[in-house]
């Protein structure tokens, strides 16, 4: 989906909540939403039945909690 400025933060052994945080940006709201929707679709196909998603209606930012991995998708500003 051509997400930009993607950074993965390894928190294994540092956080009891999750092992990785992935932060990335989309160019505009529609791009942020498309990235998030495709990630959720891929997670479900991989067997993560119900990832928790916040922020999808507005798409200024979206948070996806997939258990051990949390993904934040933002607009650059």
Protein backbone atom coordinates (compact mmCIF):
# COMPACT_ATOMS: atom_id res chain seq x y z
CA UNK A 1 0.00 0.00 0.00
CA UNK A 2 3.09 2.23 -0.18
CA UNK A 3 3.08 3.29 3.45
CA UNK A 4 5.83 5.79 4.16
CA UNK A 5 8.40 6.30 6.92
CA UNK A 6 7.71 2.91 8.51
CA UNK A 7 9.51 2.27 11.80
CA UNK A 8 9.37 -0.92 13.87
CA UNK A 9 10.12 -0.60 17.57
CA UNK A 10 11.17 -3.80 19.32
CA UNK A 11 9.80 -3.85 22.87
CA UNK A 12 10.39 -7.51 23.67
CA UNK A 13 11.35 -7.76 27.32
CA UNK A 14 10.57 -4.06 27.87
CA UNK A 15 6.76 -4.09 27.81
CA UNK A 16 4.29 -6.55 29.27
CA UNK A 17 1.60 -5.39 26.83
CA UNK A 18 3.15 -6.06 23.41
CA UNK A 19 6.38 -7.01 21.68
CA UNK A 20 6.43 -4.62 18.73
CA UNK A 21 5.05 -1.22 17.80
CA UNK A 22 4.96 -0.35 14.12
CA UNK A 23 4.51 3.31 13.17
CA UNK A 24 3.91 4.41 9.58
CA UNK A 25 2.32 7.21 7.61
CA UNK A 26 -0.11 7.54 4.74
CA UNK A 27 -0.26 10.59 2.49
CA UNK A 28 -3.93 11.54 3.04
CA UNK A 29 -6.93 10.22 5.02
CA UNK A 30 -7.96 7.84 2.25
CA UNK A 31 -4.44 6.38 2.09
CA UNK A 32 -4.33 5.93 5.89
CA UNK A 33 -7.68 4.11 5.75
CA UNK A 34 -6.61 1.89 2.86
CA UNK A 35 -3.40 0.88 4.64
CA UNK A 36 -5.32 0.06 7.82
CA UNK A 37 -8.05 -1.89 6.03
CA UNK A 38 -5.50 -3.97 4.14
CA UNK A 39 -3.55 -4.72 7.32
CA UNK A 40 -6.75 -5.82 9.10
CA UNK A 41 -7.67 -8.02 6.12
CA UNK A 42 -4.20 -9.62 6.10
CA UNK A 43 -4.33 -10.20 9.87
CA UNK A 44 -7.67 -11.96 9.57
CA UNK A 45 -6.30 -14.13 6.75
CA UNK A 46 -3.33 -14.97 8.99
CA UNK A 47 -5.65 -16.18 11.75
CA UNK A 48 -5.88 -13.10 13.97
CA UNK A 49 -9.66 -13.28 14.24
CA UNK A 50 -10.56 -9.89 15.69
CA UNK A 51 -7.82 -7.25 15.82
CA UNK A 52 -8.96 -4.17 17.75
CA UNK A 53 -9.14 -1.10 15.49
CA UNK A 54 -9.56 2.55 16.54
CA UNK A 55 -9.71 5.72 14.47
CA UNK A 56 -10.88 4.17 11.20
CA UNK A 57 -13.98 6.36 10.68
CA UNK A 58 -11.96 9.60 10.35
CA UNK A 59 -8.64 8.13 9.17
CA UNK A 60 -6.50 10.95 10.59
CA UNK A 61 -4.82 8.13 12.50
CA UNK A 62 -5.62 4.46 12.95
CA UNK A 63 -4.46 2.13 15.70
CA UNK A 64 -4.58 -1.63 15.15
CA UNK A 65 -3.99 -3.88 18.16
CA UNK A 66 -3.13 -7.39 16.97
CA UNK A 67 -2.03 -8.77 20.33
CA UNK A 68 1.76 -8.82 20.42
CA UNK A 69 1.98 -6.16 17.70
CA UNK A 70 0.42 -2.70 17.65
CA UNK A 71 0.32 -0.66 14.45
CA UNK A 72 -0.19 3.11 14.27
CA UNK A 73 -0.93 4.66 10.88
CA UNK A 74 -0.88 8.47 10.76
CA UNK A 75 -1.00 11.29 8.27
CA UNK A 76 2.38 13.08 8.10
CA UNK A 77 1.21 16.23 9.83
